[in-house]
Each structure stands twice: as C-alpha cells, then as structure tokens.
Amino acid sequence: MENSEEQARRPDPELASDEAAIREALQMLHEIDDTPPQQMTALFYQHWFEQLSMTTRDLLRVLGHNPDA
C-alpha cells in the first residue's frame, strides 16, 4: 500500500499525459540507479517491482495498448 507522499507524487495513470508517464519512468530509473547496493533489501525489491509494474502499464497506455487485455 502506498503512503500519502507516494500517492501525491504519482498522478492517476488515466489522467497522466504521455510526457508525464515518460518523465516518471525516467525518474524511477534514476532513483533505482542511485541506490547503493547495501540499501537493496527485500523491501527495496518489493517496492520497485510494484513501481515498475505501474510504470510499465502507464507506458503501455501511452503506446496505445491495454495492459489489462
């Protein structure tokens, strides 16, 4: 479950513009790349798996695909 800070940062995918979805994907990659190995715990991987899933769905919508099909 996301906390209020994450919910505020993450726009509704149905309302997000194409550019916003792309910017969010790039930001996510930078955050993952900037994480030191000693901070890559099981919780880190669980969190980023969920973020990656949501971001991939957003990008699929941008590309005109239904990720739930």
C-alpha atoms as a PDB file:
ATOM      1  CA  MET A   1       0.000   0.000   0.000  1.00  0.00           C
ATOM      2  CA  GLU A   2       1.360   3.424  -0.940  1.00  0.00           C
ATOM      3  CA  ASN A   3       1.808   6.137   1.634  1.00  0.00           C
ATOM      4  CA  SER A   4       0.325   9.599   1.076  1.00  0.00           C
ATOM      5  CA  GLU A   5       3.630  11.041  -0.175  1.00  0.00           C
ATOM      6  CA  GLU A   6       3.900   8.395  -2.902  1.00  0.00           C
ATOM      7  CA  GLN A   7       0.247   8.875  -3.850  1.00  0.00           C
ATOM      8  CA  ALA A   8       0.736  12.646  -4.117  1.00  0.00           C
ATOM      9  CA  ARG A   9       3.834  12.189  -6.287  1.00  0.00           C
ATOM     10  CA  ARG A  10       2.204   9.648  -8.583  1.00  0.00           C
ATOM     11  CA  PRO A  11      -0.539  11.001 -10.847  1.00  0.00           C
ATOM     12  CA  ASP A  12      -3.610   8.987 -11.774  1.00  0.00           C
ATOM     13  CA  PRO A  13      -2.461   6.947 -14.812  1.00  0.00           C
ATOM     14  CA  GLU A  14      -5.738   7.643 -16.607  1.00  0.00           C
ATOM     15  CA  LEU A  15      -5.147  11.400 -16.301  1.00  0.00           C
ATOM     16  CA  ALA A  16      -1.379  11.485 -16.819  1.00  0.00           C
ATOM     17  CA  SER A  17      -0.087  12.895 -20.069  1.00  0.00           C
ATOM     18  CA  ASP A  18       2.266  10.894 -22.242  1.00  0.00           C
ATOM     19  CA  GLU A  19       5.160  13.128 -21.274  1.00  0.00           C
ATOM     20  CA  ALA A  20       4.380  12.812 -17.567  1.00  0.00           C
ATOM     21  CA  ALA A  21       4.401   8.999 -17.823  1.00  0.00           C
ATOM     22  CA  ILE A  22       7.763   9.102 -19.599  1.00  0.00           C
ATOM     23  CA  ARG A  23       9.220  11.557 -17.056  1.00  0.00           C
ATOM     24  CA  GLU A  24       8.044   9.313 -14.223  1.00  0.00           C
ATOM     25  CA  ALA A  25       9.684   6.265 -15.821  1.00  0.00           C
ATOM     26  CA  LEU A  26      12.957   8.146 -16.209  1.00  0.00           C
ATOM     27  CA  GLN A  27      12.815   9.391 -12.611  1.00  0.00           C
ATOM     28  CA  MET A  28      12.180   5.856 -11.394  1.00  0.00           C
ATOM     29  CA  LEU A  29      15.223   4.560 -13.282  1.00  0.00           C
ATOM     30  CA  HIS A  30      17.407   7.330 -11.823  1.00  0.00           C
ATOM     31  CA  GLU A  31      16.216   6.521  -8.290  1.00  0.00           C
ATOM     32  CA  ILE A  32      16.969   2.817  -8.766  1.00  0.00           C
ATOM     33  CA  ASP A  33      20.380   3.560 -10.311  1.00  0.00           C
ATOM     34  CA  ASP A  34      21.272   5.906  -7.436  1.00  0.00           C
ATOM     35  CA  THR A  35      20.545   3.310  -4.726  1.00  0.00           C
ATOM     36  CA  PRO A  36      23.680   1.924  -3.084  1.00  0.00           C
ATOM     37  CA  PRO A  37      23.899  -1.891  -3.056  1.00  0.00           C
ATOM     38  CA  GLN A  38      23.766  -2.032   0.765  1.00  0.00           C
ATOM     39  CA  GLN A  39      20.258  -0.476   0.614  1.00  0.00           C
ATOM     40  CA  MET A  40      18.928  -3.082  -1.828  1.00  0.00           C
ATOM     41  CA  THR A  41      16.925  -5.102   0.665  1.00  0.00           C
ATOM     42  CA  ALA A  42      13.932  -7.361   0.092  1.00  0.00           C
ATOM     43  CA  LEU A  43      11.690  -4.352   0.800  1.00  0.00           C
ATOM     44  CA  PHE A  44      13.589  -2.341  -1.835  1.00  0.00           C
ATOM     45  CA  TYR A  45      12.929  -5.020  -4.441  1.00  0.00           C
ATOM     46  CA  GLN A  46       9.266  -5.380  -3.468  1.00  0.00           C
ATOM     47  CA  HIS A  47       8.725  -1.614  -3.689  1.00  0.00           C
ATOM     48  CA  TRP A  48      10.483  -1.207  -7.018  1.00  0.00           C
ATOM     49  CA  PHE A  49       8.762  -4.256  -8.525  1.00  0.00           C
ATOM     50  CA  GLU A  50       5.407  -2.614  -7.787  1.00  0.00           C
ATOM     51  CA  GLN A  51       6.613   0.752  -9.140  1.00  0.00           C
ATOM     52  CA  LEU A  52       7.967  -0.931 -12.277  1.00  0.00           C
ATOM     53  CA  SER A  53       4.654  -2.706 -12.830  1.00  0.00           C
ATOM     54  CA  MET A  54       2.662   0.545 -12.539  1.00  0.00           C
ATOM     55  CA  THR A  55       5.076   2.487 -14.734  1.00  0.00           C
ATOM     56  CA  THR A  56       5.131  -0.217 -17.403  1.00  0.00           C
ATOM     57  CA  ARG A  57       1.315  -0.146 -17.512  1.00  0.00           C
ATOM     58  CA  ASP A  58       1.416   3.648 -17.907  1.00  0.00           C
ATOM     59  CA  LEU A  59       3.914   3.368 -20.766  1.00  0.00           C
ATOM     60  CA  LEU A  60       1.828   0.675 -22.466  1.00  0.00           C
ATOM     61  CA  ARG A  61      -1.175   3.030 -22.330  1.00  0.00           C
ATOM     62  CA  VAL A  62       0.990   5.776 -23.865  1.00  0.00           C
ATOM     63  CA  LEU A  63       1.824   3.377 -26.689  1.00  0.00           C
ATOM     64  CA  GLY A  64      -1.863   2.647 -27.248  1.00  0.00           C
ATOM     65  CA  HIS A  65      -2.045  -0.779 -25.628  1.00  0.00           C
ATOM     66  CA  ASN A  66      -4.411  -2.032 -22.942  1.00  0.00           C
ATOM     67  CA  PRO A  67      -2.164  -3.559 -20.250  1.00  0.00           C
ATOM     68  CA  ASP A  68      -5.140  -5.462 -18.815  1.00  0.00           C
ATOM     69  CA  ALA A  69      -6.056  -7.187 -22.098  1.00  0.00           C
END
